[in-house]
Amino acid sequence: MAHKAGFVNIIGNPNVGKSTLMNAFVGEKLSIITSKAQTTRHRILGIVNGDDFQVILSDTPGIIKPAYELQTSMMDFVKSAFEDADVLLYMVEIGEKALKDEAFFKKIQNSKIPVLLLLNKIDTSDQETLETQMEHWQSLLPNAEIHPISALENFSVKEVFNRILELLPEAPPYYPKDQLTDKPERFFVNETIREKILLHYKKEIPYSVEVETEEFLEDDDIIRIRSVIMVERDTQKGIIIGHKGSALKRVGVEARKDLEKFFDKQVHIELYVKVNKNWRSNSQQLRRFGYNG
């Protein structure tokens, strides 16, 4: 039997459900999910393998108009998703009318590769609204196939996956068949800690934070982790730590529980907070954290 393989890249505005869909396809929590915009900062690959196929899914940051260097780098990840896709998944949610960047939308309109427009969160809609939305998007993107789905409820996710398999080219696998993602363990530690910060802190704090894991030591029965939470200002450091360290402790406890599930092993985690002034606008610091190529 011929083997199929290819890159399937998910793009769309912030908070439309790209990470939820990616995790539903892969069956693992690779991308962190919160209700805040800009939760995803990197391009994250999730690999789904079968005997005769390999689907390389790519979750990308939500499309925004960049306000500082970090966001410019995030949009570079989105641009790269156009360059190597065999199938493009353009995800919108019920009630949406347009992509937040016209240039990106023109790229989708002029795409030479198959585009599946996934109309997400239909579990929050009625039939009449759904039909109106489908007409709206069909008029804007006549070349796209429209699939109403609910990534959260797993509605029509399997059907979309089967359609992707039909569209993929014949090719050998690009990655070893037992590989789940292109990211190392430390990346998932950093993202899990960052997710807890997004969930528990308000306003600018989550967007001023980057996490760096300095130590990841794995024994037979335990993983020992030491991670540093970077903030831009001294006042933010105090907020992250909280009264007598209570806020930081909560982040550590919740991250440890998730990481024990992810690695299926006992985890010991130590968290520290450091001030790294204006790292979001510093090209050298951004490269160190895996942005800017």
Protein backbone atom coordinates (compact mmCIF):
# COMPACT_ATOMS: atom_id res chain seq x y z
CA MET A 1 0.00 0.00 0.00
CA ALA A 2 1.28 3.48 -0.88
CA HIS A 3 2.41 5.63 2.05
CA LYS A 4 1.11 9.20 2.45
CA ALA A 5 2.81 11.98 4.37
CA GLY A 6 2.63 15.73 4.56
CA PHE A 7 2.42 18.97 6.50
CA VAL A 8 -0.99 20.21 7.61
CA ASN A 9 -0.81 23.71 9.03
CA ILE A 10 -3.50 25.32 11.20
CA ILE A 11 -3.90 29.10 11.02
CA GLY A 12 -6.50 31.60 12.22
CA ASN A 13 -7.23 34.48 14.57
CA PRO A 14 -6.41 34.17 18.31
CA ASN A 15 -8.72 31.97 20.40
CA VAL A 16 -10.57 30.22 17.58
CA GLY A 17 -9.61 26.76 18.87
CA LYS A 18 -6.44 25.89 16.89
CA SER A 19 -4.65 24.32 19.86
CA THR A 20 -7.77 22.39 20.92
CA LEU A 21 -8.04 20.93 17.40
CA MET A 22 -4.35 20.03 17.27
CA ASN A 23 -4.57 18.21 20.60
CA ALA A 24 -7.76 16.42 19.46
CA PHE A 25 -5.99 15.15 16.33
CA VAL A 26 -2.84 14.07 18.16
CA GLY A 27 -4.59 12.65 21.24
CA GLU A 28 -2.07 14.37 23.54
CA LYS A 29 -1.91 17.82 25.11
CA LEU A 30 0.95 19.31 23.11
CA SER A 31 -0.37 22.87 22.86
CA ILE A 32 -1.39 24.80 25.97
CA ILE A 33 -4.94 26.12 26.00
CA THR A 34 -6.37 29.13 27.83
CA SER A 35 -9.10 31.67 27.12
CA LYS A 36 -6.49 34.41 26.71
CA ALA A 37 -5.32 35.58 23.30
CA GLN A 38 -1.73 34.83 22.22
CA THR A 39 -1.50 31.67 24.33
CA THR A 40 0.48 29.96 21.54
CA ARG A 41 3.77 31.72 20.81
CA HIS A 42 5.66 29.12 18.79
CA ARG A 43 4.94 26.86 15.87
CA ILE A 44 4.42 23.43 17.44
CA LEU A 45 4.39 20.20 15.44
CA GLY A 46 2.20 17.25 16.41
CA ILE A 47 2.79 14.02 14.48
CA VAL A 48 0.05 11.44 13.90
CA ASN A 49 1.28 8.11 12.56
CA GLY A 50 -0.51 5.17 10.98
CA ASP A 51 0.76 2.14 9.06
CA ASP A 52 0.36 3.92 5.72
CA PHE A 53 0.40 7.61 6.70
CA GLN A 54 2.16 10.34 8.67
CA VAL A 55 0.30 13.60 9.26
CA ILE A 56 2.53 16.42 10.54
CA LEU A 57 0.21 18.97 12.11
CA SER A 58 1.37 22.45 12.90
CA ASP A 59 -0.24 24.72 15.50
CA THR A 60 0.63 28.39 15.00
CA PRO A 61 0.15 31.62 16.97
CA GLY A 62 -3.12 33.49 16.40
CA ILE A 63 -2.80 36.14 13.70
CA ILE A 64 -2.39 39.67 15.10
CA LYS A 65 -0.89 43.01 14.13
CA PRO A 66 2.51 42.91 15.88
CA ALA A 67 3.11 45.58 18.55
CA TYR A 68 6.62 44.54 19.63
CA GLU A 69 9.51 42.30 18.59
CA LEU A 70 8.15 39.11 20.20
CA GLN A 71 4.87 39.43 18.28
CA THR A 72 6.74 40.04 15.01
CA SER A 73 8.60 36.80 15.62
CA MET A 74 5.29 35.01 16.37
CA MET A 75 3.92 36.19 13.00
CA ASP A 76 7.08 34.88 11.30
CA PHE A 77 6.06 31.41 12.53
CA VAL A 78 2.69 31.91 10.83
CA LYS A 79 4.36 33.00 7.57
CA SER A 80 6.50 29.86 7.60
CA ALA A 81 3.31 27.79 7.92
CA PHE A 82 2.26 28.99 4.45
CA GLU A 83 5.56 27.96 2.91
CA ASP A 84 5.64 24.22 3.57
CA ALA A 85 1.97 23.23 3.86
CA ASP A 86 0.48 20.39 1.81
CA VAL A 87 -2.94 21.18 3.27
CA LEU A 88 -3.97 24.43 4.97
CA LEU A 89 -6.55 24.41 7.76
CA TYR A 90 -8.00 27.89 8.13
CA MET A 91 -9.94 27.97 11.37
CA VAL A 92 -12.69 30.47 12.16
CA GLU A 93 -15.34 30.52 14.84
CA ILE A 94 -19.06 31.21 14.61
CA GLY A 95 -19.64 34.97 14.35
CA GLU A 96 -16.25 35.80 12.85
CA LYS A 97 -16.19 37.85 9.65
CA ALA A 98 -12.54 38.24 8.63
CA LEU A 99 -8.93 37.48 9.42
CA LYS A 100 -7.15 40.17 11.48
CA ASP A 101 -4.48 40.64 8.81
CA GLU A 102 -5.56 41.31 5.22
CA ALA A 103 -2.25 40.23 3.68
CA PHE A 104 -2.55 36.79 5.30
CA PHE A 105 -6.15 36.50 4.10
CA LYS A 106 -5.09 37.29 0.50
CA LYS A 107 -2.56 34.47 0.77
CA ILE A 108 -5.35 32.07 1.70
CA GLN A 109 -7.54 33.34 -1.16
CA ASN A 110 -4.70 32.80 -3.64
CA SER A 111 -3.54 29.50 -2.18
CA LYS A 112 -2.56 26.83 -4.69
CA ILE A 113 -2.78 24.10 -2.06
CA PRO A 114 -6.05 22.64 -0.68
CA VAL A 115 -7.69 24.85 1.97
CA LEU A 116 -10.15 23.40 4.47
CA LEU A 117 -12.06 26.15 6.22
CA LEU A 118 -13.07 24.82 9.64
CA LEU A 119 -16.03 26.66 11.11
CA ASN A 120 -15.49 25.93 14.79
CA LYS A 121 -17.62 26.16 17.95
CA ILE A 122 -20.84 25.19 16.15
CA ASP A 123 -22.02 23.75 19.49
CA THR A 124 -22.63 27.39 20.53
CA SER A 125 -24.73 28.18 17.45
CA ASP A 126 -28.13 27.47 15.85
CA GLN A 127 -28.77 26.11 12.35
CA GLU A 128 -29.79 29.44 10.82
CA THR A 129 -26.64 31.23 12.03
CA LEU A 130 -24.51 28.31 10.84
CA GLU A 131 -25.99 28.43 7.33
CA THR A 132 -25.51 32.22 7.12
CA GLN A 133 -21.89 31.84 8.23
CA MET A 134 -21.21 29.08 5.70
CA GLU A 135 -22.56 31.28 2.88
CA HIS A 136 -20.44 34.21 4.10
CA TRP A 137 -17.20 32.22 4.05
CA GLN A 138 -18.00 30.42 0.79
CA SER A 139 -18.39 33.82 -0.92
CA LEU A 140 -15.02 35.01 0.46
CA LEU A 141 -13.16 31.75 -0.20
CA PRO A 142 -14.86 29.95 -3.11
CA ASN A 143 -11.90 27.54 -3.46
CA ALA A 144 -12.07 26.34 0.16
CA GLU A 145 -13.94 23.31 1.46
CA ILE A 146 -16.05 24.29 4.47
CA HIS A 147 -16.37 21.90 7.40
CA PRO A 148 -18.52 22.85 10.44
CA ILE A 149 -16.88 21.36 13.54
CA SER A 150 -16.61 21.57 17.32
CA ALA A 151 -13.00 20.86 18.33
CA LEU A 152 -13.95 20.97 22.02
CA GLU A 153 -16.80 18.45 21.65
CA ASN A 154 -14.84 16.38 19.07
CA PHE A 155 -17.68 16.84 16.57
CA SER A 156 -16.65 16.10 12.93
CA VAL A 157 -12.95 16.10 13.90
CA LYS A 158 -12.50 12.52 12.61
CA GLU A 159 -14.22 13.39 9.33
CA VAL A 160 -11.83 16.33 8.80
CA PHE A 161 -8.86 14.07 9.59
CA ASN A 162 -10.04 11.51 7.02
CA ARG A 163 -10.38 14.28 4.42
CA ILE A 164 -6.82 15.40 5.20
CA LEU A 165 -5.59 11.84 4.55
CA GLU A 166 -7.32 11.89 1.15
CA LEU A 167 -5.57 15.16 0.22
CA LEU A 168 -2.04 14.24 1.36
CA PRO A 169 0.56 13.37 -1.28
CA GLU A 170 2.25 9.99 -1.49
CA ALA A 171 5.54 10.29 0.37
CA PRO A 172 7.71 8.41 2.88
CA PRO A 173 7.53 9.52 6.54
CA TYR A 174 9.48 12.68 7.40
CA TYR A 175 9.97 11.73 11.06
CA PRO A 176 10.51 8.44 12.92
CA LYS A 177 7.16 6.66 13.34
CA ASP A 178 7.33 6.73 17.14
CA GLN A 179 7.89 10.51 17.30
CA LEU A 180 5.04 12.67 18.62
CA THR A 181 6.44 16.19 18.21
CA ASP A 182 9.52 18.17 17.13
CA LYS A 183 9.93 19.86 20.51
CA PRO A 184 12.18 18.68 23.39
CA GLU A 185 10.95 17.86 26.91
CA ARG A 186 12.06 21.21 28.33
CA PHE A 187 9.78 23.02 25.88
CA PHE A 188 6.72 21.28 27.35
CA VAL A 189 7.87 22.04 30.88
CA ASN A 190 8.18 25.74 29.97
CA GLU A 191 4.78 25.78 28.24
CA THR A 192 3.01 24.01 31.11
CA ILE A 193 4.34 26.55 33.63
CA ARG A 194 3.40 29.40 31.28
CA GLU A 195 -0.12 28.01 30.93
CA LYS A 196 -0.61 28.19 34.72
CA ILE A 197 0.59 31.81 34.69
CA LEU A 198 -1.87 32.64 31.89
CA LEU A 199 -4.66 31.07 33.94
CA HIS A 200 -3.91 32.72 37.29
CA TYR A 201 -2.53 36.20 36.58
CA LYS A 202 -4.28 39.17 35.02
CA LYS A 203 -3.55 42.07 32.67
CA GLU A 204 -0.04 42.36 31.28
CA ILE A 205 1.65 39.83 33.58
CA PRO A 206 1.21 36.66 31.44
CA TYR A 207 2.44 38.47 28.32
CA SER A 208 5.56 39.74 30.11
CA VAL A 209 6.58 36.22 31.14
CA GLU A 210 8.93 33.71 29.54
CA VAL A 211 9.95 30.44 31.17
CA GLU A 212 13.35 28.77 30.87
CA THR A 213 14.08 25.31 32.24
CA GLU A 214 17.67 25.23 33.44
CA GLU A 215 17.68 21.68 34.74
CA PHE A 216 15.85 18.53 33.60
CA LEU A 217 17.27 15.42 35.24
CA GLU A 218 15.45 12.15 34.65
CA ASP A 219 15.99 9.03 36.79
CA ASP A 220 14.09 5.75 36.60
CA ASP A 221 11.33 6.89 38.93
CA ILE A 222 11.50 10.73 39.11
CA ILE A 223 12.21 13.81 36.99
CA ARG A 224 13.85 16.76 38.76
CA ILE A 225 13.17 20.12 37.17
CA ARG A 226 14.46 23.61 37.92
CA SER A 227 12.82 26.41 35.94
CA VAL A 228 13.15 30.18 35.93
CA ILE A 229 10.21 32.49 35.27
CA MET A 230 11.46 35.66 33.54
CA VAL A 231 9.56 38.94 33.98
CA GLU A 232 10.29 42.43 32.68
CA ARG A 233 9.98 44.47 35.89
CA ASP A 234 10.56 44.16 39.66
CA THR A 235 6.88 44.83 40.39
CA GLN A 236 5.92 41.87 38.21
CA LYS A 237 8.32 39.65 40.14
CA GLY A 238 6.48 40.46 43.38
CA ILE A 239 3.09 39.71 41.80
CA ILE A 240 4.28 36.36 40.41
CA ILE A 241 5.66 35.29 43.80
CA GLY A 242 2.63 36.52 45.78
CA HIS A 243 2.19 36.85 49.55
CA LYS A 244 4.76 34.61 51.28
CA GLY A 245 5.29 32.80 47.96
CA SER A 246 1.70 31.52 47.79
CA ALA A 247 1.03 32.45 44.15
CA LEU A 248 4.27 30.90 42.89
CA LYS A 249 3.60 27.76 44.94
CA ARG A 250 0.19 27.33 43.27
CA VAL A 251 1.80 27.56 39.81
CA GLY A 252 4.37 24.95 40.84
CA VAL A 253 1.82 22.51 42.28
CA GLU A 254 -0.49 22.71 39.25
CA ALA A 255 2.37 22.46 36.73
CA ARG A 256 3.78 19.43 38.57
CA LYS A 257 0.43 17.59 38.40
CA ASP A 258 0.14 18.19 34.64
CA LEU A 259 3.75 17.21 33.98
CA GLU A 260 3.38 13.98 35.97
CA LYS A 261 0.49 13.06 33.65
CA PHE A 262 2.44 14.11 30.54
CA PHE A 263 5.64 12.21 31.41
CA ASP A 264 3.85 9.42 33.34
CA LYS A 265 6.41 9.74 36.12
CA GLN A 266 6.86 11.48 39.46
CA VAL A 267 8.07 15.08 39.07
CA HIS A 268 9.87 17.39 41.50
CA ILE A 269 9.83 21.01 40.37
CA GLU A 270 11.61 24.12 41.70
CA LEU A 271 10.58 27.55 40.43
CA TYR A 272 12.50 30.82 40.61
CA VAL A 273 11.61 34.31 39.35
CA LYS A 274 14.13 36.65 37.72
CA VAL A 275 13.84 40.12 36.16
CA ASN A 276 14.98 40.21 32.53
CA LYS A 277 14.27 43.80 31.47
CA ASN A 278 12.48 44.31 28.13
CA TRP A 279 13.22 40.78 26.88
CA ARG A 280 10.20 40.98 24.52
CA SER A 281 11.94 43.70 22.50
CA ASN A 282 15.46 42.31 22.67
CA SER A 283 16.47 40.28 19.57
CA GLN A 284 19.30 38.52 21.39
CA GLN A 285 17.03 37.42 24.26
CA LEU A 286 14.29 36.34 21.83
CA ARG A 287 16.73 34.13 19.93
CA ARG A 288 17.78 32.57 23.22
CA PHE A 289 14.15 31.69 23.93
CA GLY A 290 13.65 30.13 20.50
CA TYR A 291 12.11 33.05 18.60
CA ASN A 292 13.47 34.90 15.54
CA GLY A 293 14.53 31.70 13.83
